[in-house]
């Protein structure tokens, strides 16, 4: 079984390896900086991306991808998040958790 230290090492790895995001809004993919990374109170690792489409327009977020420090796709999620008359945008969050199972 993994030790507490091993789990901590995996969480630190996630925080270090994720470099940036690519967000597809209205069919256009745009590179985005990571807004922040944090440890949640339950130990999971969260990665946040600010998505701010052009003000006053209707926008649909269809895909959010995370890339590592070697510019390789690391995680992705297809979405269908509609924003109407965008005033501010959206704060998108990926959450990573570790579950150990014996097989």
PDB file of N, CA and C in Angstrom:
ATOM      1  N   UNK A   1       0.844  -1.184   0.000  1.00  0.00           N
ATOM      2  CA  UNK A   1       0.000   0.000   0.000  1.00  0.00           C
ATOM      3  C   UNK A   1       0.887   1.244   0.000  1.00  0.00           C
ATOM      4  N   UNK A   2       0.398   2.290  -0.643  1.00  0.00           N
ATOM      5  CA  UNK A   2       1.146   3.546  -0.685  1.00  0.00           C
ATOM      6  C   UNK A   2       1.194   4.200   0.694  1.00  0.00           C
ATOM      7  N   UNK A   3       2.319   4.779   0.979  1.00  0.00           N
ATOM      8  CA  UNK A   3       2.454   5.509   2.239  1.00  0.00           C
ATOM      9  C   UNK A   3       1.891   6.921   2.059  1.00  0.00           C
ATOM     10  N   UNK A   4       1.729   7.606   3.158  1.00  0.00           N
ATOM     11  CA  UNK A   4       1.297   9.003   3.124  1.00  0.00           C
ATOM     12  C   UNK A   4       2.280   9.835   2.313  1.00  0.00           C
ATOM     13  N   UNK A   5       3.564   9.551   2.454  1.00  0.00           N
ATOM     14  CA  UNK A   5       4.581  10.294   1.706  1.00  0.00           C
ATOM     15  C   UNK A   5       4.454  10.058   0.206  1.00  0.00           C
ATOM     16  N   UNK A   6       4.175   8.821  -0.190  1.00  0.00           N
ATOM     17  CA  UNK A   6       4.017   8.524  -1.618  1.00  0.00           C
ATOM     18  C   UNK A   6       2.847   9.312  -2.205  1.00  0.00           C
ATOM     19  N   UNK A   7       1.744   9.360  -1.492  1.00  0.00           N
ATOM     20  CA  UNK A   7       0.583  10.124  -1.963  1.00  0.00           C
ATOM     21  C   UNK A   7       0.920  11.605  -2.062  1.00  0.00           C
ATOM     22  N   UNK A   8       1.654  12.121  -1.092  1.00  0.00           N
ATOM     23  CA  UNK A   8       2.084  13.521  -1.115  1.00  0.00           C
ATOM     24  C   UNK A   8       2.981  13.782  -2.329  1.00  0.00           C
ATOM     25  N   UNK A   9       3.862  12.855  -2.635  1.00  0.00           N
ATOM     26  CA  UNK A   9       4.740  12.996  -3.799  1.00  0.00           C
ATOM     27  C   UNK A   9       3.942  13.058  -5.100  1.00  0.00           C
ATOM     28  N   UNK A  10       2.906  12.234  -5.233  1.00  0.00           N
ATOM     29  CA  UNK A  10       2.062  12.265  -6.423  1.00  0.00           C
ATOM     30  C   UNK A  10       1.354  13.609  -6.553  1.00  0.00           C
ATOM     31  N   UNK A  11       0.854  14.132  -5.451  1.00  0.00           N
ATOM     32  CA  UNK A  11       0.172  15.435  -5.477  1.00  0.00           C
ATOM     33  C   UNK A  11       1.139  16.546  -5.869  1.00  0.00           C
ATOM     34  N   UNK A  12       2.340  16.513  -5.336  1.00  0.00           N
ATOM     35  CA  UNK A  12       3.350  17.514  -5.693  1.00  0.00           C
ATOM     36  C   UNK A  12       3.712  17.404  -7.168  1.00  0.00           C
ATOM     37  N   UNK A  13       3.779  16.177  -7.677  1.00  0.00           N
ATOM     38  CA  UNK A  13       4.071  15.959  -9.093  1.00  0.00           C
ATOM     39  C   UNK A  13       3.010  16.624  -9.967  1.00  0.00           C
ATOM     40  N   UNK A  14       1.741  16.439  -9.637  1.00  0.00           N
ATOM     41  CA  UNK A  14       0.657  17.054 -10.410  1.00  0.00           C
ATOM     42  C   UNK A  14       0.802  18.569 -10.406  1.00  0.00           C
ATOM     43  N   UNK A  15       1.099  19.126  -9.256  1.00  0.00           N
ATOM     44  CA  UNK A  15       1.243  20.580  -9.156  1.00  0.00           C
ATOM     45  C   UNK A  15       2.405  21.100 -10.018  1.00  0.00           C
ATOM     46  N   UNK A  16       3.465  20.321 -10.119  1.00  0.00           N
ATOM     47  CA  UNK A  16       4.637  20.743 -10.902  1.00  0.00           C
ATOM     48  C   UNK A  16       4.474  20.504 -12.400  1.00  0.00           C
ATOM     49  N   UNK A  17       3.851  19.385 -12.787  1.00  0.00           N
ATOM     50  CA  UNK A  17       3.844  18.965 -14.191  1.00  0.00           C
ATOM     51  C   UNK A  17       2.854  19.739 -15.055  1.00  0.00           C
ATOM     52  N   UNK A  18       1.731  20.178 -14.483  1.00  0.00           N
ATOM     53  CA  UNK A  18       0.729  20.891 -15.283  1.00  0.00           C
ATOM     54  C   UNK A  18       1.217  22.310 -15.534  1.00  0.00           C
ATOM     55  N   UNK A  19       1.286  22.674 -16.818  1.00  0.00           N
ATOM     56  CA  UNK A  19       1.897  23.940 -17.203  1.00  0.00           C
ATOM     57  C   UNK A  19       0.894  24.992 -17.689  1.00  0.00           C
ATOM     58  N   UNK A  20      -0.040  24.571 -18.554  1.00  0.00           N
ATOM     59  CA  UNK A  20      -0.999  25.530 -19.110  1.00  0.00           C
ATOM     60  C   UNK A  20      -2.227  24.778 -19.606  1.00  0.00           C
ATOM     61  N   UNK A  21      -3.238  25.539 -20.025  1.00  0.00           N
ATOM     62  CA  UNK A  21      -4.471  24.957 -20.538  1.00  0.00           C
ATOM     63  C   UNK A  21      -4.710  25.438 -21.964  1.00  0.00           C
ATOM     64  N   UNK A  22      -5.500  24.669 -22.702  1.00  0.00           N
ATOM     65  CA  UNK A  22      -6.037  25.100 -23.990  1.00  0.00           C
ATOM     66  C   UNK A  22      -7.545  24.939 -23.877  1.00  0.00           C
ATOM     67  N   UNK A  23      -8.256  26.048 -24.122  1.00  0.00           N
ATOM     68  CA  UNK A  23      -9.704  26.073 -23.969  1.00  0.00           C
ATOM     69  C   UNK A  23     -10.335  26.349 -25.325  1.00  0.00           C
ATOM     70  N   UNK A  24     -11.341  25.550 -25.688  1.00  0.00           N
ATOM     71  CA  UNK A  24     -12.059  25.762 -26.943  1.00  0.00           C
ATOM     72  C   UNK A  24     -13.390  26.434 -26.637  1.00  0.00           C
ATOM     73  N   UNK A  25     -13.547  27.658 -27.152  1.00  0.00           N
ATOM     74  CA  UNK A  25     -14.764  28.450 -26.974  1.00  0.00           C
ATOM     75  C   UNK A  25     -15.246  28.862 -28.360  1.00  0.00           C
ATOM     76  N   UNK A  26     -16.514  28.553 -28.656  1.00  0.00           N
ATOM     77  CA  UNK A  26     -17.091  28.869 -29.972  1.00  0.00           C
ATOM     78  C   UNK A  26     -16.226  28.339 -31.113  1.00  0.00           C
ATOM     79  N   UNK A  27     -15.645  27.160 -30.912  1.00  0.00           N
ATOM     80  CA  UNK A  27     -14.858  26.506 -31.951  1.00  0.00           C
ATOM     81  C   UNK A  27     -13.419  26.979 -32.085  1.00  0.00           C
ATOM     82  N   UNK A  28     -12.997  27.920 -31.243  1.00  0.00           N
ATOM     83  CA  UNK A  28     -11.636  28.456 -31.330  1.00  0.00           C
ATOM     84  C   UNK A  28     -10.840  28.026 -30.094  1.00  0.00           C
ATOM     85  N   UNK A  29      -9.740  27.342 -30.325  1.00  0.00           N
ATOM     86  CA  UNK A  29      -8.874  26.886 -29.225  1.00  0.00           C
ATOM     87  C   UNK A  29      -7.879  27.991 -28.880  1.00  0.00           C
ATOM     88  N   UNK A  30      -7.788  28.301 -27.587  1.00  0.00           N
ATOM     89  CA  UNK A  30      -6.907  29.367 -27.114  1.00  0.00           C
ATOM     90  C   UNK A  30      -6.098  28.873 -25.921  1.00  0.00           C
ATOM     91  N   UNK A  31      -4.803  29.162 -25.946  1.00  0.00           N
ATOM     92  CA  UNK A  31      -3.932  28.808 -24.822  1.00  0.00           C
ATOM     93  C   UNK A  31      -4.218  29.742 -23.652  1.00  0.00           C
ATOM     94  N   UNK A  32      -4.340  29.168 -22.444  1.00  0.00           N
ATOM     95  CA  UNK A  32      -4.631  29.942 -21.235  1.00  0.00           C
ATOM     96  C   UNK A  32      -3.634  29.579 -20.141  1.00  0.00           C
ATOM     97  N   UNK A  33      -3.270  30.565 -19.372  1.00  0.00           N
ATOM     98  CA  UNK A  33      -2.419  30.316 -18.201  1.00  0.00           C
ATOM     99  C   UNK A  33      -3.244  29.634 -17.117  1.00  0.00           C
ATOM    100  N   UNK A  34      -2.574  28.882 -16.284  1.00  0.00           N
ATOM    101  CA  UNK A  34      -3.230  28.305 -15.110  1.00  0.00           C
ATOM    102  C   UNK A  34      -3.454  29.443 -14.120  1.00  0.00           C
ATOM    103  N   UNK A  35      -4.691  29.591 -13.689  1.00  0.00           N
ATOM    104  CA  UNK A  35      -5.034  30.666 -12.749  1.00  0.00           C
ATOM    105  C   UNK A  35      -4.426  30.389 -11.376  1.00  0.00           C
ATOM    106  N   UNK A  36      -4.633  29.156 -10.901  1.00  0.00           N
ATOM    107  CA  UNK A  36      -4.011  28.752  -9.638  1.00  0.00           C
ATOM    108  C   UNK A  36      -4.145  27.241  -9.459  1.00  0.00           C
ATOM    109  N   UNK A  37      -3.299  26.725  -8.568  1.00  0.00           N
ATOM    110  CA  UNK A  37      -3.346  25.322  -8.156  1.00  0.00           C
ATOM    111  C   UNK A  37      -3.438  25.330  -6.647  1.00  0.00           C
ATOM    112  N   UNK A  38      -4.225  24.414  -6.093  1.00  0.00           N
ATOM    113  CA  UNK A  38      -4.339  24.379  -4.641  1.00  0.00           C
ATOM    114  C   UNK A  38      -4.673  22.986  -4.148  1.00  0.00           C
ATOM    115  N   UNK A  39      -4.410  22.791  -2.881  1.00  0.00           N
ATOM    116  CA  UNK A  39      -4.825  21.557  -2.205  1.00  0.00           C
ATOM    117  C   UNK A  39      -6.142  21.843  -1.505  1.00  0.00           C
ATOM    118  N   UNK A  40      -7.135  21.047  -1.791  1.00  0.00           N
ATOM    119  CA  UNK A  40      -8.423  21.190  -1.119  1.00  0.00           C
ATOM    120  C   UNK A  40      -8.338  20.596   0.283  1.00  0.00           C
ATOM    121  N   UNK A  41      -9.286  20.949   1.118  1.00  0.00           N
ATOM    122  CA  UNK A  41      -9.240  20.499   2.515  1.00  0.00           C
ATOM    123  C   UNK A  41      -9.282  18.977   2.643  1.00  0.00           C
ATOM    124  N   UNK A  42      -9.836  18.287   1.639  1.00  0.00           N
ATOM    125  CA  UNK A  42      -9.896  16.819   1.691  1.00  0.00           C
ATOM    126  C   UNK A  42      -8.667  16.157   1.057  1.00  0.00           C
ATOM    127  N   UNK A  43      -7.662  16.969   0.644  1.00  0.00           N
ATOM    128  CA  UNK A  43      -6.422  16.422   0.116  1.00  0.00           C
ATOM    129  C   UNK A  43      -6.334  16.348  -1.395  1.00  0.00           C
ATOM    130  N   UNK A  44      -7.442  16.578  -2.089  1.00  0.00           N
ATOM    131  CA  UNK A  44      -7.394  16.556  -3.549  1.00  0.00           C
ATOM    132  C   UNK A  44      -6.630  17.773  -4.066  1.00  0.00           C
ATOM    133  N   UNK A  45      -6.133  17.662  -5.310  1.00  0.00           N
ATOM    134  CA  UNK A  45      -5.419  18.758  -5.954  1.00  0.00           C
ATOM    135  C   UNK A  45      -6.356  19.388  -6.981  1.00  0.00           C
ATOM    136  N   UNK A  46      -6.509  20.716  -6.924  1.00  0.00           N
ATOM    137  CA  UNK A  46      -7.371  21.428  -7.862  1.00  0.00           C
ATOM    138  C   UNK A  46      -6.531  22.353  -8.728  1.00  0.00           C
ATOM    139  N   UNK A  47      -6.900  22.418 -10.010  1.00  0.00           N
ATOM    140  CA  UNK A  47      -6.240  23.292 -10.978  1.00  0.00           C
ATOM    141  C   UNK A  47      -7.337  24.160 -11.596  1.00  0.00           C
ATOM    142  N   UNK A  48      -7.144  25.479 -11.545  1.00  0.00           N
ATOM    143  CA  UNK A  48      -8.161  26.429 -11.999  1.00  0.00           C
ATOM    144  C   UNK A  48      -7.704  27.172 -13.257  1.00  0.00           C
ATOM    145  N   UNK A  49      -8.662  27.394 -14.167  1.00  0.00           N
ATOM    146  CA  UNK A  49      -8.411  28.153 -15.388  1.00  0.00           C
ATOM    147  C   UNK A  49      -9.508  29.210 -15.507  1.00  0.00           C
ATOM    148  N   UNK A  50      -9.117  30.468 -15.739  1.00  0.00           N
ATOM    149  CA  UNK A  50     -10.089  31.532 -16.004  1.00  0.00           C
ATOM    150  C   UNK A  50     -10.415  31.523 -17.484  1.00  0.00           C
ATOM    151  N   UNK A  51     -11.705  31.484 -17.800  1.00  0.00           N
ATOM    152  CA  UNK A  51     -12.153  31.504 -19.191  1.00  0.00           C
ATOM    153  C   UNK A  51     -13.005  32.753 -19.360  1.00  0.00           C
ATOM    154  N   UNK A  52     -12.486  33.720 -20.100  1.00  0.00           N
ATOM    155  CA  UNK A  52     -13.183  35.000 -20.266  1.00  0.00           C
ATOM    156  C   UNK A  52     -13.371  35.309 -21.749  1.00  0.00           C
ATOM    157  N   UNK A  53     -14.495  34.862 -22.315  1.00  0.00           N
ATOM    158  CA  UNK A  53     -14.779  35.167 -23.720  1.00  0.00           C
ATOM    159  C   UNK A  53     -15.008  36.675 -23.911  1.00  0.00           C
ATOM    160  N   UNK A  54     -15.118  37.088 -25.158  1.00  0.00           N
ATOM    161  CA  UNK A  54     -15.348  38.493 -25.468  1.00  0.00           C
ATOM    162  C   UNK A  54     -16.624  38.975 -24.784  1.00  0.00           C
ATOM    163  N   UNK A  55     -16.546  40.118 -24.124  1.00  0.00           N
ATOM    164  CA  UNK A  55     -17.680  40.666 -23.390  1.00  0.00           C
ATOM    165  C   UNK A  55     -18.882  40.912 -24.293  1.00  0.00           C
ATOM    166  N   UNK A  56     -20.058  40.641 -23.737  1.00  0.00           N
ATOM    167  CA  UNK A  56     -21.301  40.932 -24.440  1.00  0.00           C
ATOM    168  C   UNK A  56     -21.687  39.936 -25.507  1.00  0.00           C
ATOM    169  N   UNK A  57     -20.969  38.856 -25.637  1.00  0.00           N
ATOM    170  CA  UNK A  57     -21.282  37.860 -26.663  1.00  0.00           C
ATOM    171  C   UNK A  57     -21.815  36.590 -26.018  1.00  0.00           C
ATOM    172  N   UNK A  58     -22.393  35.745 -26.826  1.00  0.00           N
ATOM    173  CA  UNK A  58     -22.802  34.419 -26.384  1.00  0.00           C
ATOM    174  C   UNK A  58     -21.626  33.483 -26.653  1.00  0.00           C
ATOM    175  N   UNK A  59     -21.314  32.637 -25.696  1.00  0.00           N
ATOM    176  CA  UNK A  59     -20.158  31.754 -25.849  1.00  0.00           C
ATOM    177  C   UNK A  59     -20.500  30.358 -25.345  1.00  0.00           C
ATOM    178  N   UNK A  60     -19.891  29.358 -25.977  1.00  0.00           N
ATOM    179  CA  UNK A  60     -20.038  27.976 -25.523  1.00  0.00           C
ATOM    180  C   UNK A  60     -18.646  27.375 -25.371  1.00  0.00           C
ATOM    181  N   UNK A  61     -18.348  26.937 -24.160  1.00  0.00           N
ATOM    182  CA  UNK A  61     -17.089  26.247 -23.876  1.00  0.00           C
ATOM    183  C   UNK A  61     -17.303  24.782 -24.221  1.00  0.00           C
ATOM    184  N   UNK A  62     -16.499  24.256 -25.150  1.00  0.00           N
ATOM    185  CA  UNK A  62     -16.703  22.876 -25.587  1.00  0.00           C
ATOM    186  C   UNK A  62     -15.584  21.917 -25.182  1.00  0.00           C
ATOM    187  N   UNK A  63     -14.412  22.449 -24.840  1.00  0.00           N
ATOM    188  CA  UNK A  63     -13.325  21.557 -24.435  1.00  0.00           C
ATOM    189  C   UNK A  63     -12.329  22.329 -23.580  1.00  0.00           C
ATOM    190  N   UNK A  64     -11.827  21.643 -22.548  1.00  0.00           N
ATOM    191  CA  UNK A  64     -10.771  22.199 -21.710  1.00  0.00           C
ATOM    192  C   UNK A  64      -9.680  21.137 -21.614  1.00  0.00           C
ATOM    193  N   UNK A  65      -8.443  21.525 -21.937  1.00  0.00           N
ATOM    194  CA  UNK A  65      -7.321  20.587 -21.925  1.00  0.00           C
ATOM    195  C   UNK A  65      -6.198  21.143 -21.052  1.00  0.00           C
ATOM    196  N   UNK A  66      -5.503  20.234 -20.396  1.00  0.00           N
ATOM    197  CA  UNK A  66      -4.326  20.596 -19.628  1.00  0.00           C
ATOM    198  C   UNK A  66      -3.102  20.006 -20.312  1.00  0.00           C
ATOM    199  N   UNK A  67      -2.022  20.787 -20.360  1.00  0.00           N
ATOM    200  CA  UNK A  67      -0.768  20.347 -20.961  1.00  0.00           C
ATOM    201  C   UNK A  67       0.332  20.361 -19.917  1.00  0.00           C
ATOM    202  N   UNK A  68       1.292  19.463 -20.105  1.00  0.00           N
ATOM    203  CA  UNK A  68       2.396  19.371 -19.148  1.00  0.00           C
ATOM    204  C   UNK A  68       3.547  20.288 -19.563  1.00  0.00           C
ATOM    205  N   UNK A  69       4.615  20.251 -18.800  1.00  0.00           N
ATOM    206  CA  UNK A  69       5.766  21.120 -19.050  1.00  0.00           C
ATOM    207  C   UNK A  69       6.506  20.767 -20.342  1.00  0.00           C
ATOM    208  N   UNK A  70       6.228  19.589 -20.917  1.00  0.00           N
ATOM    209  CA  UNK A  70       6.823  19.186 -22.197  1.00  0.00           C
ATOM    210  C   UNK A  70       5.861  19.454 -23.361  1.00  0.00           C
ATOM    211  N   UNK A  71       4.801  20.232 -23.100  1.00  0.00           N
ATOM    212  CA  UNK A  71       3.800  20.593 -24.119  1.00  0.00           C
ATOM    213  C   UNK A  71       3.022  19.398 -24.658  1.00  0.00           C
ATOM    214  N   UNK A  72       2.856  18.384 -23.825  1.00  0.00           N
ATOM    215  CA  UNK A  72       2.088  17.191 -24.186  1.00  0.00           C
ATOM    216  C   UNK A  72       0.739  17.237 -23.472  1.00  0.00           C
ATOM    217  N   UNK A  73      -0.312  16.774 -24.172  1.00  0.00           N
ATOM    218  CA  UNK A  73      -1.647  16.730 -23.581  1.00  0.00           C
ATOM    219  C   UNK A  73      -1.637  15.823 -22.361  1.00  0.00           C
ATOM    220  N   UNK A  74      -2.138  16.341 -21.247  1.00  0.00           N
ATOM    221  CA  UNK A  74      -2.083  15.610 -19.986  1.00  0.00           C
ATOM    222  C   UNK A  74      -3.462  15.211 -19.486  1.00  0.00           C
ATOM    223  N   UNK A  75      -4.466  16.061 -19.735  1.00  0.00           N
ATOM    224  CA  UNK A  75      -5.845  15.764 -19.332  1.00  0.00           C
ATOM    225  C   UNK A  75      -6.773  16.588 -20.206  1.00  0.00           C
ATOM    226  N   UNK A  76      -7.973  16.061 -20.457  1.00  0.00           N
ATOM    227  CA  UNK A  76      -8.934  16.837 -21.224  1.00  0.00           C
ATOM    228  C   UNK A  76     -10.352  16.462 -20.844  1.00  0.00           C
ATOM    229  N   UNK A  77     -11.241  17.409 -21.055  1.00  0.00           N
ATOM    230  CA  UNK A  77     -12.656  17.198 -20.736  1.00  0.00           C
ATOM    231  C   UNK A  77     -13.493  17.911 -21.785  1.00  0.00           C
ATOM    232  N   UNK A  78     -14.400  17.177 -22.418  1.00  0.00           N
ATOM    233  CA  UNK A  78     -15.366  17.788 -23.329  1.00  0.00           C
ATOM    234  C   UNK A  78     -16.476  18.389 -22.489  1.00  0.00           C
ATOM    235  N   UNK A  79     -16.962  19.541 -22.899  1.00  0.00           N
ATOM    236  CA  UNK A  79     -17.988  20.260 -22.153  1.00  0.00           C
ATOM    237  C   UNK A  79     -19.031  20.810 -23.103  1.00  0.00           C
ATOM    238  N   UNK A  80     -20.067  21.351 -22.532  1.00  0.00           N
ATOM    239  CA  UNK A  80     -21.073  22.116 -23.267  1.00  0.00           C
ATOM    240  C   UNK A  80     -21.602  23.168 -22.294  1.00  0.00           C
ATOM    241  N   UNK A  81     -20.744  24.123 -21.992  1.00  0.00           N
ATOM    242  CA  UNK A  81     -21.081  25.168 -21.031  1.00  0.00           C
ATOM    243  C   UNK A  81     -21.422  26.431 -21.809  1.00  0.00           C
ATOM    244  N   UNK A  82     -22.680  26.829 -21.729  1.00  0.00           N
ATOM    245  CA  UNK A  82     -23.138  28.017 -22.453  1.00  0.00           C
ATOM    246  C   UNK A  82     -23.105  29.232 -21.545  1.00  0.00           C
ATOM    247  N   UNK A  83     -22.568  30.316 -22.078  1.00  0.00           N
ATOM    248  CA  UNK A  83     -22.542  31.600 -21.384  1.00  0.00           C
ATOM    249  C   UNK A  83     -23.270  32.591 -22.286  1.00  0.00           C
ATOM    250  N   UNK A  84     -24.300  33.241 -21.762  1.00  0.00           N
ATOM    251  CA  UNK A  84     -25.037  34.198 -22.583  1.00  0.00           C
ATOM    252  C   UNK A  84     -24.736  35.614 -22.118  1.00  0.00           C
ATOM    253  N   UNK A  85     -24.596  36.509 -23.077  1.00  0.00           N
ATOM    254  CA  UNK A  85     -24.264  37.914 -22.787  1.00  0.00           C
ATOM    255  C   UNK A  85     -23.156  37.990 -21.752  1.00  0.00           C
ATOM    256  N   UNK A  86     -22.040  37.400 -22.085  1.00  0.00           N
ATOM    257  CA  UNK A  86     -20.919  37.256 -21.161  1.00  0.00           C
ATOM    258  C   UNK A  86     -20.547  38.604 -20.543  1.00  0.00           C
ATOM    259  N   UNK A  87     -20.498  38.633 -19.233  1.00  0.00           N
ATOM    260  CA  UNK A  87     -20.074  39.820 -18.503  1.00  0.00           C
ATOM    261  C   UNK A  87     -18.712  39.604 -17.848  1.00  0.00           C
ATOM    262  N   UNK A  88     -18.491  38.396 -17.336  1.00  0.00           N
ATOM    263  CA  UNK A  88     -17.239  38.134 -16.627  1.00  0.00           C
ATOM    264  C   UNK A  88     -16.498  36.907 -17.138  1.00  0.00           C
ATOM    265  N   UNK A  89     -17.180  35.814 -17.323  1.00  0.00           N
ATOM    266  CA  UNK A  89     -16.539  34.586 -17.761  1.00  0.00           C
ATOM    267  C   UNK A  89     -16.792  33.454 -16.788  1.00  0.00           C
ATOM    268  N   UNK A  90     -15.927  32.454 -16.826  1.00  0.00           N
ATOM    269  CA  UNK A  90     -16.088  31.274 -15.984  1.00  0.00           C
ATOM    270  C   UNK A  90     -14.748  30.895 -15.363  1.00  0.00           C
ATOM    271  N   UNK A  91     -14.827  30.341 -14.181  1.00  0.00           N
ATOM    272  CA  UNK A  91     -13.644  29.777 -13.529  1.00  0.00           C
ATOM    273  C   UNK A  91     -13.831  28.262 -13.577  1.00  0.00           C
ATOM    274  N   UNK A  92     -12.991  27.578 -14.371  1.00  0.00           N
ATOM    275  CA  UNK A  92     -13.107  26.139 -14.581  1.00  0.00           C
ATOM    276  C   UNK A  92     -12.116  25.426 -13.680  1.00  0.00           C
ATOM    277  N   UNK A  93     -12.524  24.275 -13.145  1.00  0.00           N
ATOM    278  CA  UNK A  93     -11.664  23.565 -12.203  1.00  0.00           C
ATOM    279  C   UNK A  93     -11.543  22.085 -12.566  1.00  0.00           C
ATOM    280  N   UNK A  94     -10.309  21.607 -12.648  1.00  0.00           N
ATOM    281  CA  UNK A  94     -10.000  20.180 -12.692  1.00  0.00           C
ATOM    282  C   UNK A  94      -9.646  19.778 -11.267  1.00  0.00           C
ATOM    283  N   UNK A  95     -10.119  18.618 -10.815  1.00  0.00           N
ATOM    284  CA  UNK A  95      -9.787  18.121  -9.481  1.00  0.00           C
ATOM    285  C   UNK A  95      -9.220  16.714  -9.631  1.00  0.00           C
ATOM    286  N   UNK A  96      -8.073  16.492  -8.997  1.00  0.00           N
ATOM    287  CA  UNK A  96      -7.404  15.195  -9.052  1.00  0.00           C
ATOM    288  C   UNK A  96      -7.385  14.577  -7.665  1.00  0.00           C
ATOM    289  N   UNK A  97      -7.721  13.294  -7.615  1.00  0.00           N
ATOM    290  CA  UNK A  97      -7.753  12.563  -6.357  1.00  0.00           C
ATOM    291  C   UNK A  97      -7.049  11.226  -6.576  1.00  0.00           C
ATOM    292  N   UNK A  98      -6.563  10.657  -5.500  1.00  0.00           N
ATOM    293  CA  UNK A  98      -5.924   9.353  -5.567  1.00  0.00           C
ATOM    294  C   UNK A  98      -6.755   8.349  -4.795  1.00  0.00           C
ATOM    295  N   UNK A  99      -7.051   7.233  -5.458  1.00  0.00           N
ATOM    296  CA  UNK A  99      -7.790   6.157  -4.812  1.00  0.00           C
ATOM    297  C   UNK A  99      -6.963   4.896  -5.004  1.00  0.00           C
ATOM    298  N   UNK A 100      -6.608   4.279  -3.911  1.00  0.00           N
ATOM    299  CA  UNK A 100      -5.795   3.072  -3.974  1.00  0.00           C
ATOM    300  C   UNK A 100      -6.714   1.869  -3.774  1.00  0.00           C
ATOM    301  N   UNK A 101      -6.555   0.862  -4.652  1.00  0.00           N
ATOM    302  CA  UNK A 101      -7.371  -0.342  -4.569  1.00  0.00           C
ATOM    303  C   UNK A 101      -6.492  -1.572  -4.706  1.00  0.00           C
ATOM    304  N   UNK A 102      -6.824  -2.576  -3.948  1.00  0.00           N
ATOM    305  CA  UNK A 102      -6.131  -3.861  -4.114  1.00  0.00           C
ATOM    306  C   UNK A 102      -6.892  -4.668  -5.135  1.00  0.00           C
ATOM    307  N   UNK A 103      -6.134  -5.327  -6.019  1.00  0.00           N
ATOM    308  CA  UNK A 103      -6.786  -6.166  -7.033  1.00  0.00           C
ATOM    309  C   UNK A 103      -6.271  -7.574  -6.974  1.00  0.00           C
TER     310      UNK A 103
END
